[in-house]
Amino acid sequence: MTALARFSTFDRFELMDDQVYQLTMTLVWDVGKKRSGWIVRGQPGEQFDLSVPWWLTWLQSRHDRKMLPAAWLHDRLLKDGFDRTFAAGEFRRACRARGVSAQRAWCAWLGVLIWTAFK
């Protein structure tokens, strides 16, 4: 069994190009609540990004290391076929787990909902 880093302090991802990142270590998230028994597991090599419209990059960096694991989770849930609203909710929870303030996490949640509605 390989050692797993805590989600709240996970920093094992690398930039692949301008804004696409890749996990370099297994990342685990408990869906719904801690120790829920419903786990999403990211494997090394999984790619993701923190999608931010170019006109909002002054407000939110595409390279915000606090939000990158939350972006991975959001992308992964969408790839697995989950509803955008559900994925956005877990994105907000993941942001909070990473130490993002409640206000910023709610704003990011709203932005994710709006942004993914037009994709």
PDB file of N, CA and C in Angstrom:
ATOM      1  N   MET A   1       0.855  -1.181   0.000  1.00  0.00           N
ATOM      2  CA  MET A   1       0.000   0.000   0.000  1.00  0.00           C
ATOM      3  C   MET A   1       0.892   1.233   0.000  1.00  0.00           C
ATOM      4  N   THR A   2       0.624   2.141  -0.926  1.00  0.00           N
ATOM      5  CA  THR A   2       1.422   3.353  -0.995  1.00  0.00           C
ATOM      6  C   THR A   2       0.879   4.386  -0.012  1.00  0.00           C
ATOM      7  N   ALA A   3       1.770   5.237   0.445  1.00  0.00           N
ATOM      8  CA  ALA A   3       1.365   6.293   1.366  1.00  0.00           C
ATOM      9  C   ALA A   3       0.506   7.312   0.624  1.00  0.00           C
ATOM     10  N   LEU A   4      -0.481   7.827   1.305  1.00  0.00           N
ATOM     11  CA  LEU A   4      -1.360   8.830   0.719  1.00  0.00           C
ATOM     12  C   LEU A   4      -1.182  10.150   1.450  1.00  0.00           C
ATOM     13  N   ALA A   5      -1.142  11.222   0.681  1.00  0.00           N
ATOM     14  CA  ALA A   5      -1.069  12.553   1.281  1.00  0.00           C
ATOM     15  C   ALA A   5      -2.472  13.001   1.670  1.00  0.00           C
ATOM     16  N   ARG A   6      -2.562  13.828   2.680  1.00  0.00           N
ATOM     17  CA  ARG A   6      -3.857  14.389   3.082  1.00  0.00           C
ATOM     18  C   ARG A   6      -4.336  15.347   1.993  1.00  0.00           C
ATOM     19  N   PHE A   7      -5.625  15.346   1.727  1.00  0.00           N
ATOM     20  CA  PHE A   7      -6.183  16.233   0.706  1.00  0.00           C
ATOM     21  C   PHE A   7      -5.879  17.693   1.039  1.00  0.00           C
ATOM     22  N   SER A   8      -5.987  18.042   2.312  1.00  0.00           N
ATOM     23  CA  SER A   8      -5.819  19.438   2.724  1.00  0.00           C
ATOM     24  C   SER A   8      -4.410  19.980   2.477  1.00  0.00           C
ATOM     25  N   THR A   9      -3.431  19.100   2.395  1.00  0.00           N
ATOM     26  CA  THR A   9      -2.050  19.548   2.186  1.00  0.00           C
ATOM     27  C   THR A   9      -1.437  18.993   0.899  1.00  0.00           C
ATOM     28  N   PHE A  10      -2.241  18.332   0.090  1.00  0.00           N
ATOM     29  CA  PHE A  10      -1.749  17.695  -1.138  1.00  0.00           C
ATOM     30  C   PHE A  10      -1.094  18.729  -2.050  1.00  0.00           C
ATOM     31  N   ASP A  11       0.091  18.408  -2.523  1.00  0.00           N
ATOM     32  CA  ASP A  11       0.828  19.319  -3.408  1.00  0.00           C
ATOM     33  C   ASP A  11       1.604  18.532  -4.457  1.00  0.00           C
ATOM     34  N   ARG A  12       1.097  17.381  -4.820  1.00  0.00           N
ATOM     35  CA  ARG A  12       1.813  16.501  -5.753  1.00  0.00           C
ATOM     36  C   ARG A  12       1.164  16.534  -7.137  1.00  0.00           C
ATOM     37  N   PHE A  13       1.344  17.656  -7.813  1.00  0.00           N
ATOM     38  CA  PHE A  13       0.896  17.817  -9.186  1.00  0.00           C
ATOM     39  C   PHE A  13       1.914  18.695  -9.883  1.00  0.00           C
ATOM     40  N   GLU A  14       1.989  18.541 -11.212  1.00  0.00           N
ATOM     41  CA  GLU A  14       2.952  19.326 -11.967  1.00  0.00           C
ATOM     42  C   GLU A  14       2.286  19.937 -13.182  1.00  0.00           C
ATOM     43  N   LEU A  15       2.787  21.091 -13.583  1.00  0.00           N
ATOM     44  CA  LEU A  15       2.274  21.798 -14.738  1.00  0.00           C
ATOM     45  C   LEU A  15       2.779  21.114 -16.006  1.00  0.00           C
ATOM     46  N   MET A  16       1.848  20.759 -16.887  1.00  0.00           N
ATOM     47  CA  MET A  16       2.203  20.071 -18.131  1.00  0.00           C
ATOM     48  C   MET A  16       2.369  21.050 -19.291  1.00  0.00           C
ATOM     49  N   ASP A  17       1.517  22.044 -19.354  1.00  0.00           N
ATOM     50  CA  ASP A  17       1.635  23.110 -20.354  1.00  0.00           C
ATOM     51  C   ASP A  17       1.102  24.396 -19.736  1.00  0.00           C
ATOM     52  N   ASP A  18       0.580  25.280 -20.524  1.00  0.00           N
ATOM     53  CA  ASP A  18       0.158  26.592 -20.033  1.00  0.00           C
ATOM     54  C   ASP A  18      -0.777  26.535 -18.833  1.00  0.00           C
ATOM     55  N   GLN A  19      -1.719  25.585 -18.810  1.00  0.00           N
ATOM     56  CA  GLN A  19      -2.632  25.525 -17.666  1.00  0.00           C
ATOM     57  C   GLN A  19      -3.083  24.114 -17.313  1.00  0.00           C
ATOM     58  N   VAL A  20      -2.596  23.099 -17.984  1.00  0.00           N
ATOM     59  CA  VAL A  20      -2.978  21.716 -17.667  1.00  0.00           C
ATOM     60  C   VAL A  20      -1.983  21.139 -16.661  1.00  0.00           C
ATOM     61  N   TYR A  21      -2.548  20.579 -15.581  1.00  0.00           N
ATOM     62  CA  TYR A  21      -1.744  19.952 -14.539  1.00  0.00           C
ATOM     63  C   TYR A  21      -1.930  18.448 -14.578  1.00  0.00           C
ATOM     64  N   GLN A  22      -1.030  17.756 -13.920  1.00  0.00           N
ATOM     65  CA  GLN A  22      -1.080  16.299 -13.833  1.00  0.00           C
ATOM     66  C   GLN A  22      -0.755  15.879 -12.405  1.00  0.00           C
ATOM     67  N   LEU A  23      -1.552  14.930 -11.878  1.00  0.00           N
ATOM     68  CA  LEU A  23      -1.247  14.377 -10.558  1.00  0.00           C
ATOM     69  C   LEU A  23       0.050  13.580 -10.637  1.00  0.00           C
ATOM     70  N   THR A  24       0.869  13.675  -9.602  1.00  0.00           N
ATOM     71  CA  THR A  24       2.097  12.881  -9.544  1.00  0.00           C
ATOM     72  C   THR A  24       2.052  11.871  -8.401  1.00  0.00           C
ATOM     73  N   MET A  25       0.933  11.836  -7.685  1.00  0.00           N
ATOM     74  CA  MET A  25       0.731  10.915  -6.573  1.00  0.00           C
ATOM     75  C   MET A  25      -0.775  10.674  -6.434  1.00  0.00           C
ATOM     76  N   THR A  26      -1.149   9.566  -5.864  1.00  0.00           N
ATOM     77  CA  THR A  26      -2.560   9.255  -5.648  1.00  0.00           C
ATOM     78  C   THR A  26      -3.201  10.320  -4.759  1.00  0.00           C
ATOM     79  N   LEU A  27      -4.400  10.749  -5.153  1.00  0.00           N
ATOM     80  CA  LEU A  27      -5.159  11.740  -4.403  1.00  0.00           C
ATOM     81  C   LEU A  27      -6.527  11.137  -4.093  1.00  0.00           C
ATOM     82  N   VAL A  28      -6.954  11.236  -2.844  1.00  0.00           N
ATOM     83  CA  VAL A  28      -8.206  10.634  -2.404  1.00  0.00           C
ATOM     84  C   VAL A  28      -9.116  11.702  -1.803  1.00  0.00           C
ATOM     85  N   TRP A  29     -10.401  11.615  -2.145  1.00  0.00           N
ATOM     86  CA  TRP A  29     -11.406  12.543  -1.623  1.00  0.00           C
ATOM     87  C   TRP A  29     -12.613  11.755  -1.129  1.00  0.00           C
ATOM     88  N   ASP A  30     -13.082  12.096   0.068  1.00  0.00           N
ATOM     89  CA  ASP A  30     -14.300  11.509   0.630  1.00  0.00           C
ATOM     90  C   ASP A  30     -15.485  12.359   0.189  1.00  0.00           C
ATOM     91  N   VAL A  31     -16.352  11.791  -0.635  1.00  0.00           N
ATOM     92  CA  VAL A  31     -17.503  12.518  -1.157  1.00  0.00           C
ATOM     93  C   VAL A  31     -18.553  12.700  -0.058  1.00  0.00           C
ATOM     94  N   GLY A  32     -19.102  13.893   0.009  1.00  0.00           N
ATOM     95  CA  GLY A  32     -20.193  14.182   0.943  1.00  0.00           C
ATOM     96  C   GLY A  32     -19.751  14.618   2.316  1.00  0.00           C
ATOM     97  N   LYS A  33     -18.864  13.842   2.915  1.00  0.00           N
ATOM     98  CA  LYS A  33     -18.313  14.187   4.225  1.00  0.00           C
ATOM     99  C   LYS A  33     -17.116  13.280   4.487  1.00  0.00           C
ATOM    100  N   LYS A  34     -16.316  13.672   5.450  1.00  0.00           N
ATOM    101  CA  LYS A  34     -15.149  12.884   5.829  1.00  0.00           C
ATOM    102  C   LYS A  34     -15.581  11.501   6.319  1.00  0.00           C
ATOM    103  N   ARG A  35     -14.861  10.480   5.877  1.00  0.00           N
ATOM    104  CA  ARG A  35     -15.121   9.082   6.228  1.00  0.00           C
ATOM    105  C   ARG A  35     -16.529   8.621   5.822  1.00  0.00           C
ATOM    106  N   SER A  36     -17.001   9.139   4.685  1.00  0.00           N
ATOM    107  CA  SER A  36     -18.333   8.768   4.196  1.00  0.00           C
ATOM    108  C   SER A  36     -18.360   7.348   3.629  1.00  0.00           C
ATOM    109  N   GLY A  37     -17.197   6.835   3.250  1.00  0.00           N
ATOM    110  CA  GLY A  37     -17.142   5.530   2.600  1.00  0.00           C
ATOM    111  C   GLY A  37     -17.258   5.623   1.087  1.00  0.00           C
ATOM    112  N   TRP A  38     -17.581   6.797   0.578  1.00  0.00           N
ATOM    113  CA  TRP A  38     -17.673   7.030  -0.864  1.00  0.00           C
ATOM    114  C   TRP A  38     -16.420   7.811  -1.264  1.00  0.00           C
ATOM    115  N   ILE A  39     -15.517   7.148  -1.936  1.00  0.00           N
ATOM    116  CA  ILE A  39     -14.206   7.728  -2.217  1.00  0.00           C
ATOM    117  C   ILE A  39     -13.988   7.900  -3.715  1.00  0.00           C
ATOM    118  N   VAL A  40     -13.430   9.039  -4.075  1.00  0.00           N
ATOM    119  CA  VAL A  40     -12.938   9.285  -5.429  1.00  0.00           C
ATOM    120  C   VAL A  40     -11.424   9.248  -5.321  1.00  0.00           C
ATOM    121  N   ARG A  41     -10.800   8.433  -6.158  1.00  0.00           N
ATOM    122  CA  ARG A  41      -9.354   8.257  -6.090  1.00  0.00           C
ATOM    123  C   ARG A  41      -8.729   8.681  -7.417  1.00  0.00           C
ATOM    124  N   GLY A  42      -7.831   9.660  -7.351  1.00  0.00           N
ATOM    125  CA  GLY A  42      -7.092  10.107  -8.533  1.00  0.00           C
ATOM    126  C   GLY A  42      -5.749   9.406  -8.597  1.00  0.00           C
ATOM    127  N   GLN A  43      -5.383   9.002  -9.786  1.00  0.00           N
ATOM    128  CA  GLN A  43      -4.120   8.280  -9.984  1.00  0.00           C
ATOM    129  C   GLN A  43      -3.063   9.183 -10.619  1.00  0.00           C
ATOM    130  N   PRO A  44      -1.795   8.906 -10.364  1.00  0.00           N
ATOM    131  CA  PRO A  44      -0.736   9.672 -11.032  1.00  0.00           C
ATOM    132  C   PRO A  44      -0.942   9.633 -12.549  1.00  0.00           C
ATOM    133  N   GLY A  45      -0.769  10.778 -13.171  1.00  0.00           N
ATOM    134  CA  GLY A  45      -0.948  10.895 -14.609  1.00  0.00           C
ATOM    135  C   GLY A  45      -2.282  11.505 -15.006  1.00  0.00           C
ATOM    136  N   GLU A  46      -3.253  11.550 -14.074  1.00  0.00           N
ATOM    137  CA  GLU A  46      -4.542  12.183 -14.391  1.00  0.00           C
ATOM    138  C   GLU A  46      -4.325  13.667 -14.613  1.00  0.00           C
ATOM    139  N   GLN A  47      -4.912  14.173 -15.692  1.00  0.00           N
ATOM    140  CA  GLN A  47      -4.754  15.584 -16.026  1.00  0.00           C
ATOM    141  C   GLN A  47      -6.019  16.360 -15.730  1.00  0.00           C
ATOM    142  N   PHE A  48      -5.850  17.641 -15.413  1.00  0.00           N
ATOM    143  CA  PHE A  48      -6.957  18.518 -15.040  1.00  0.00           C
ATOM    144  C   PHE A  48      -6.498  19.959 -15.176  1.00  0.00           C
ATOM    145  N   ASP A  49      -7.437  20.868 -15.074  1.00  0.00           N
ATOM    146  CA  ASP A  49      -7.065  22.287 -15.065  1.00  0.00           C
ATOM    147  C   ASP A  49      -8.035  23.058 -14.183  1.00  0.00           C
ATOM    148  N   LEU A  50      -7.623  24.245 -13.833  1.00  0.00           N
ATOM    149  CA  LEU A  50      -8.477  25.180 -13.099  1.00  0.00           C
ATOM    150  C   LEU A  50      -8.945  26.191 -14.141  1.00  0.00           C
ATOM    151  N   SER A  51     -10.099  25.902 -14.735  1.00  0.00           N
ATOM    152  CA  SER A  51     -10.616  26.733 -15.827  1.00  0.00           C
ATOM    153  C   SER A  51     -11.083  28.075 -15.301  1.00  0.00           C
ATOM    154  N   VAL A  52     -10.451  29.114 -15.782  1.00  0.00           N
ATOM    155  CA  VAL A  52     -10.827  30.485 -15.426  1.00  0.00           C
ATOM    156  C   VAL A  52     -10.852  31.270 -16.733  1.00  0.00           C
ATOM    157  N   PRO A  53     -11.958  31.941 -17.032  1.00  0.00           N
ATOM    158  CA  PRO A  53     -11.987  32.757 -18.249  1.00  0.00           C
ATOM    159  C   PRO A  53     -10.866  33.790 -18.212  1.00  0.00           C
ATOM    160  N   TRP A  54     -10.273  34.067 -19.345  1.00  0.00           N
ATOM    161  CA  TRP A  54      -9.127  34.977 -19.399  1.00  0.00           C
ATOM    162  C   TRP A  54      -9.444  36.322 -18.757  1.00  0.00           C
ATOM    163  N   TRP A  55     -10.683  36.773 -18.888  1.00  0.00           N
ATOM    164  CA  TRP A  55     -11.048  38.085 -18.367  1.00  0.00           C
ATOM    165  C   TRP A  55     -11.251  38.097 -16.853  1.00  0.00           C
ATOM    166  N   LEU A  56     -11.149  36.924 -16.206  1.00  0.00           N
ATOM    167  CA  LEU A  56     -11.238  36.868 -14.745  1.00  0.00           C
ATOM    168  C   LEU A  56      -9.921  36.451 -14.084  1.00  0.00           C
ATOM    169  N   THR A  57      -8.878  36.292 -14.882  1.00  0.00           N
ATOM    170  CA  THR A  57      -7.603  35.839 -14.297  1.00  0.00           C
ATOM    171  C   THR A  57      -6.986  36.883 -13.364  1.00  0.00           C
ATOM    172  N   TRP A  58      -7.433  38.117 -13.451  1.00  0.00           N
ATOM    173  CA  TRP A  58      -6.965  39.133 -12.500  1.00  0.00           C
ATOM    174  C   TRP A  58      -7.515  38.854 -11.100  1.00  0.00           C
ATOM    175  N   LEU A  59      -8.644  38.143 -11.044  1.00  0.00           N
ATOM    176  CA  LEU A  59      -9.307  37.846  -9.782  1.00  0.00           C
ATOM    177  C   LEU A  59      -8.961  36.450  -9.263  1.00  0.00           C
ATOM    178  N   GLN A  60      -8.840  35.484 -10.185  1.00  0.00           N
ATOM    179  CA  GLN A  60      -8.567  34.099  -9.812  1.00  0.00           C
ATOM    180  C   GLN A  60      -7.507  33.517 -10.740  1.00  0.00           C
ATOM    181  N   SER A  61      -6.368  33.149 -10.185  1.00  0.00           N
ATOM    182  CA  SER A  61      -5.295  32.551 -10.969  1.00  0.00           C
ATOM    183  C   SER A  61      -5.649  31.120 -11.369  1.00  0.00           C
ATOM    184  N   ARG A  62      -5.254  30.737 -12.559  1.00  0.00           N
ATOM    185  CA  ARG A  62      -5.404  29.351 -13.018  1.00  0.00           C
ATOM    186  C   ARG A  62      -4.397  28.432 -12.332  1.00  0.00           C
ATOM    187  N   HIS A  63      -3.489  29.013 -11.569  1.00  0.00           N
ATOM    188  CA  HIS A  63      -2.412  28.253 -10.928  1.00  0.00           C
ATOM    189  C   HIS A  63      -2.480  28.332  -9.405  1.00  0.00           C
ATOM    190  N   ASP A  64      -3.642  28.613  -8.868  1.00  0.00           N
ATOM    191  CA  ASP A  64      -3.851  28.715  -7.422  1.00  0.00           C
ATOM    192  C   ASP A  64      -3.724  27.327  -6.797  1.00  0.00           C
ATOM    193  N   ARG A  65      -2.627  27.091  -6.103  1.00  0.00           N
ATOM    194  CA  ARG A  65      -2.332  25.758  -5.575  1.00  0.00           C
ATOM    195  C   ARG A  65      -3.321  25.306  -4.503  1.00  0.00           C
ATOM    196  N   LYS A  66      -4.007  26.253  -3.870  1.00  0.00           N
ATOM    197  CA  LYS A  66      -5.050  25.873  -2.905  1.00  0.00           C
ATOM    198  C   LYS A  66      -6.253  25.266  -3.624  1.00  0.00           C
ATOM    199  N   MET A  67      -6.546  25.757  -4.825  1.00  0.00           N
ATOM    200  CA  MET A  67      -7.743  25.316  -5.538  1.00  0.00           C
ATOM    201  C   MET A  67      -7.490  24.200  -6.552  1.00  0.00           C
ATOM    202  N   LEU A  68      -6.237  23.932  -6.885  1.00  0.00           N
ATOM    203  CA  LEU A  68      -5.966  22.925  -7.915  1.00  0.00           C
ATOM    204  C   LEU A  68      -6.516  21.538  -7.572  1.00  0.00           C
ATOM    205  N   PRO A  69      -6.353  21.024  -6.349  1.00  0.00           N
ATOM    206  CA  PRO A  69      -6.949  19.712  -6.059  1.00  0.00           C
ATOM    207  C   PRO A  69      -8.476  19.724  -6.159  1.00  0.00           C
ATOM    208  N   ALA A  70      -9.097  20.841  -5.806  1.00  0.00           N
ATOM    209  CA  ALA A  70     -10.548  20.967  -5.953  1.00  0.00           C
ATOM    210  C   ALA A  70     -10.928  20.945  -7.432  1.00  0.00           C
ATOM    211  N   ALA A  71     -10.108  21.565  -8.271  1.00  0.00           N
ATOM    212  CA  ALA A  71     -10.345  21.544  -9.717  1.00  0.00           C
ATOM    213  C   ALA A  71     -10.216  20.120 -10.255  1.00  0.00           C
ATOM    214  N   TRP A  72      -9.209  19.375  -9.757  1.00  0.00           N
ATOM    215  CA  TRP A  72      -9.079  17.963 -10.161  1.00  0.00           C
ATOM    216  C   TRP A  72     -10.364  17.217  -9.839  1.00  0.00           C
ATOM    217  N   LEU A  73     -10.862  17.388  -8.609  1.00  0.00           N
ATOM    218  CA  LEU A  73     -12.062  16.686  -8.176  1.00  0.00           C
ATOM    219  C   LEU A  73     -13.248  17.039  -9.070  1.00  0.00           C
ATOM    220  N   HIS A  74     -13.440  18.315  -9.326  1.00  0.00           N
ATOM    221  CA  HIS A  74     -14.538  18.762 -10.180  1.00  0.00           C
ATOM    222  C   HIS A  74     -14.448  18.116 -11.565  1.00  0.00           C
ATOM    223  N   ASP A  75     -13.257  18.193 -12.179  1.00  0.00           N
ATOM    224  CA  ASP A  75     -13.065  17.602 -13.506  1.00  0.00           C
ATOM    225  C   ASP A  75     -13.319  16.094 -13.482  1.00  0.00           C
ATOM    226  N   ARG A  76     -12.832  15.444 -12.462  1.00  0.00           N
ATOM    227  CA  ARG A  76     -12.991  13.993 -12.349  1.00  0.00           C
ATOM    228  C   ARG A  76     -14.460  13.599 -12.222  1.00  0.00           C
ATOM    229  N   LEU A  77     -15.212  14.316 -11.391  1.00  0.00           N
ATOM    230  CA  LEU A  77     -16.633  14.016 -11.229  1.00  0.00           C
ATOM    231  C   LEU A  77     -17.389  14.223 -12.541  1.00  0.00           C
ATOM    232  N   LEU A  78     -17.058  15.281 -13.274  1.00  0.00           N
ATOM    233  CA  LEU A  78     -17.699  15.496 -14.571  1.00  0.00           C
ATOM    234  C   LEU A  78     -17.349  14.378 -15.546  1.00  0.00           C
ATOM    235  N   LYS A  79     -16.078  13.970 -15.577  1.00  0.00           N
ATOM    236  CA  LYS A  79     -15.662  12.868 -16.467  1.00  0.00           C
ATOM    237  C   LYS A  79     -16.369  11.570 -16.112  1.00  0.00           C
ATOM    238  N   ASP A  80     -16.655  11.381 -14.837  1.00  0.00           N
ATOM    239  CA  ASP A  80     -17.346  10.170 -14.388  1.00  0.00           C
ATOM    240  C   ASP A  80     -18.859  10.247 -14.604  1.00  0.00           C
ATOM    241  N   GLY A  81     -19.336  11.354 -15.181  1.00  0.00           N
ATOM    242  CA  GLY A  81     -20.746  11.472 -15.538  1.00  0.00           C
ATOM    243  C   GLY A  81     -21.644  12.098 -14.496  1.00  0.00           C
ATOM    244  N   PHE A  82     -21.068  12.668 -13.461  1.00  0.00           N
ATOM    245  CA  PHE A  82     -21.894  13.293 -12.431  1.00  0.00           C
ATOM    246  C   PHE A  82     -22.406  14.646 -12.903  1.00  0.00           C
ATOM    247  N   ASP A  83     -23.518  15.048 -12.354  1.00  0.00           N
ATOM    248  CA  ASP A  83     -24.169  16.307 -12.649  1.00  0.00           C
ATOM    249  C   ASP A  83     -23.255  17.490 -12.313  1.00  0.00           C
ATOM    250  N   ARG A  84     -23.337  18.551 -13.106  1.00  0.00           N
ATOM    251  CA  ARG A  84     -22.501  19.740 -12.890  1.00  0.00           C
ATOM    252  C   ARG A  84     -22.746  20.392 -11.541  1.00  0.00           C
ATOM    253  N   THR A  85     -23.984  20.394 -11.102  1.00  0.00           N
ATOM    254  CA  THR A  85     -24.306  20.990  -9.804  1.00  0.00           C
ATOM    255  C   THR A  85     -23.673  20.190  -8.676  1.00  0.00           C
ATOM    256  N   PHE A  86     -23.737  18.871  -8.777  1.00  0.00           N
ATOM    257  CA  PHE A  86     -23.117  18.005  -7.772  1.00  0.00           C
ATOM    258  C   PHE A  86     -21.601  18.218  -7.755  1.00  0.00           C
ATOM    259  N   ALA A  87     -20.986  18.231  -8.936  1.00  0.00           N
ATOM    260  CA  ALA A  87     -19.535  18.431  -9.033  1.00  0.00           C
ATOM    261  C   ALA A  87     -19.129  19.791  -8.464  1.00  0.00           C
ATOM    262  N   ALA A  88     -19.940  20.801  -8.713  1.00  0.00           N
ATOM    263  CA  ALA A  88     -19.639  22.140  -8.182  1.00  0.00           C
ATOM    264  C   ALA A  88     -19.730  22.158  -6.659  1.00  0.00           C
ATOM    265  N   GLY A  89     -20.690  21.434  -6.107  1.00  0.00           N
ATOM    266  CA  GLY A  89     -20.816  21.361  -4.651  1.00  0.00           C
ATOM    267  C   GLY A  89     -19.607  20.706  -4.009  1.00  0.00           C
ATOM    268  N   GLU A  90     -19.131  19.631  -4.604  1.00  0.00           N
ATOM    269  CA  GLU A  90     -17.929  18.972  -4.075  1.00  0.00           C
ATOM    270  C   GLU A  90     -16.696  19.853  -4.281  1.00  0.00           C
ATOM    271  N   PHE A  91     -16.664  20.615  -5.378  1.00  0.00           N
ATOM    272  CA  PHE A  91     -15.587  21.582  -5.608  1.00  0.00           C
ATOM    273  C   PHE A  91     -15.531  22.581  -4.453  1.00  0.00           C
ATOM    274  N   ARG A  92     -16.710  23.104  -4.049  1.00  0.00           N
ATOM    275  CA  ARG A  92     -16.751  24.058  -2.943  1.00  0.00           C
ATOM    276  C   ARG A  92     -16.261  23.423  -1.649  1.00  0.00           C
ATOM    277  N   ARG A  93     -16.721  22.203  -1.362  1.00  0.00           N
ATOM    278  CA  ARG A  93     -16.269  21.493  -0.154  1.00  0.00           C
ATOM    279  C   ARG A  93     -14.754  21.290  -0.189  1.00  0.00           C
ATOM    280  N   ALA A  94     -14.243  20.923  -1.347  1.00  0.00           N
ATOM    281  CA  ALA A  94     -12.806  20.682  -1.479  1.00  0.00           C
ATOM    282  C   ALA A  94     -12.017  21.978  -1.295  1.00  0.00           C
ATOM    283  N   CYS A  95     -12.542  23.080  -1.805  1.00  0.00           N
ATOM    284  CA  CYS A  95     -11.884  24.378  -1.586  1.00  0.00           C
ATOM    285  C   CYS A  95     -11.796  24.678  -0.098  1.00  0.00           C
ATOM    286  N   ARG A  96     -12.892  24.454   0.619  1.00  0.00           N
ATOM    287  CA  ARG A  96     -12.895  24.692   2.066  1.00  0.00           C
ATOM    288  C   ARG A  96     -11.885  23.790   2.766  1.00  0.00           C
ATOM    289  N   ALA A  97     -11.811  22.525   2.345  1.00  0.00           N
ATOM    290  CA  ALA A  97     -10.855  21.590   2.948  1.00  0.00           C
ATOM    291  C   ALA A  97      -9.423  22.050   2.724  1.00  0.00           C
ATOM    292  N   ARG A  98      -9.196  22.812   1.677  1.00  0.00           N
ATOM    293  CA  ARG A  98      -7.861  23.322   1.358  1.00  0.00           C
ATOM    294  C   ARG A  98      -7.564  24.652   2.039  1.00  0.00           C
ATOM    295  N   GLY A  99      -8.515  25.185   2.815  1.00  0.00           N
ATOM    296  CA  GLY A  99      -8.270  26.430   3.536  1.00  0.00           C
ATOM    297  C   GLY A  99      -8.749  27.675   2.830  1.00  0.00           C
ATOM    298  N   VAL A 100      -9.489  27.513   1.742  1.00  0.00           N
ATOM    299  CA  VAL A 100     -10.063  28.675   1.061  1.00  0.00           C
ATOM    300  C   VAL A 100     -11.184  29.211   1.953  1.00  0.00           C
ATOM    301  N   SER A 101     -11.260  30.528   2.076  1.00  0.00           N
ATOM    302  CA  SER A 101     -12.288  31.128   2.940  1.00  0.00           C
ATOM    303  C   SER A 101     -13.685  30.749   2.455  1.00  0.00           C
ATOM    304  N   ALA A 102     -14.631  30.786   3.361  1.00  0.00           N
ATOM    305  CA  ALA A 102     -16.015  30.438   3.015  1.00  0.00           C
ATOM    306  C   ALA A 102     -16.542  31.355   1.913  1.00  0.00           C
ATOM    307  N   GLN A 103     -16.273  32.648   2.021  1.00  0.00           N
ATOM    308  CA  GLN A 103     -16.767  33.589   1.028  1.00  0.00           C
ATOM    309  C   GLN A 103     -16.183  33.298  -0.353  1.00  0.00           C
ATOM    310  N   ARG A 104     -14.885  33.076  -0.393  1.00  0.00           N
ATOM    311  CA  ARG A 104     -14.225  32.800  -1.678  1.00  0.00           C
ATOM    312  C   ARG A 104     -14.681  31.462  -2.245  1.00  0.00           C
ATOM    313  N   ALA A 105     -14.864  30.468  -1.394  1.00  0.00           N
ATOM    314  CA  ALA A 105     -15.321  29.151  -1.855  1.00  0.00           C
ATOM    315  C   ALA A 105     -16.724  29.248  -2.445  1.00  0.00           C
ATOM    316  N   TRP A 106     -17.610  30.017  -1.809  1.00  0.00           N
ATOM    317  CA  TRP A 106     -18.960  30.192  -2.352  1.00  0.00           C
ATOM    318  C   TRP A 106     -18.916  30.950  -3.669  1.00  0.00           C
ATOM    319  N   CYS A 107     -18.079  31.973  -3.764  1.00  0.00           N
ATOM    320  CA  CYS A 107     -17.936  32.713  -5.025  1.00  0.00           C
ATOM    321  C   CYS A 107     -17.393  31.809  -6.129  1.00  0.00           C
ATOM    322  N   ALA A 108     -16.407  30.986  -5.791  1.00  0.00           N
ATOM    323  CA  ALA A 108     -15.842  30.049  -6.765  1.00  0.00           C
ATOM    324  C   ALA A 108     -16.906  29.038  -7.188  1.00  0.00           C
ATOM    325  N   TRP A 109     -17.699  28.556  -6.230  1.00  0.00           N
ATOM    326  CA  TRP A 109     -18.789  27.623  -6.532  1.00  0.00           C
ATOM    327  C   TRP A 109     -19.762  28.234  -7.540  1.00  0.00           C
ATOM    328  N   LEU A 110     -20.160  29.477  -7.298  1.00  0.00           N
ATOM    329  CA  LEU A 110     -21.073  30.152  -8.203  1.00  0.00           C
ATOM    330  C   LEU A 110     -20.440  30.320  -9.587  1.00  0.00           C
ATOM    331  N   GLY A 111     -19.175  30.722  -9.602  1.00  0.00           N
ATOM    332  CA  GLY A 111     -18.466  30.871 -10.868  1.00  0.00           C
ATOM    333  C   GLY A 111     -18.383  29.560 -11.635  1.00  0.00           C
ATOM    334  N   VAL A 112     -18.115  28.469 -10.931  1.00  0.00           N
ATOM    335  CA  VAL A 112     -18.044  27.154 -11.568  1.00  0.00           C
ATOM    336  C   VAL A 112     -19.397  26.776 -12.152  1.00  0.00           C
ATOM    337  N   LEU A 113     -20.462  26.995 -11.398  1.00  0.00           N
ATOM    338  CA  LEU A 113     -21.804  26.694 -11.907  1.00  0.00           C
ATOM    339  C   LEU A 113     -22.106  27.485 -13.180  1.00  0.00           C
ATOM    340  N   ILE A 114     -21.833  28.770 -13.159  1.00  0.00           N
ATOM    341  CA  ILE A 114     -22.113  29.610 -14.304  1.00  0.00           C
ATOM    342  C   ILE A 114     -21.226  29.215 -15.488  1.00  0.00           C
ATOM    343  N   TRP A 115     -19.930  29.036 -15.232  1.00  0.00           N
ATOM    344  CA  TRP A 115     -18.977  28.714 -16.297  1.00  0.00           C
ATOM    345  C   TRP A 115     -19.314  27.364 -16.956  1.00  0.00           C
ATOM    346  N   THR A 116     -19.608  26.351 -16.155  1.00  0.00           N
ATOM    347  CA  THR A 116     -19.896  25.034 -16.739  1.00  0.00           C
ATOM    348  C   THR A 116     -21.266  24.992 -17.407  1.00  0.00           C
ATOM    349  N   ALA A 117     -22.159  25.911 -17.052  1.00  0.00           N
ATOM    350  CA  ALA A 117     -23.476  25.955 -17.691  1.00  0.00           C
ATOM    351  C   ALA A 117     -23.356  26.336 -19.169  1.00  0.00           C
ATOM    352  N   PHE A 118     -22.285  27.056 -19.523  1.00  0.00           N
ATOM    353  CA  PHE A 118     -22.099  27.510 -20.891  1.00  0.00           C
ATOM    354  C   PHE A 118     -21.117  26.666 -21.686  1.00  0.00           C
ATOM    355  N   LYS A 119     -20.631  25.591 -21.106  1.00  0.00           N
ATOM    356  CA  LYS A 119     -19.688  24.717 -21.825  1.00  0.00           C
ATOM    357  C   LYS A 119     -20.415  23.670 -22.605  1.00  0.00           C
TER     358      LYS A 119
END
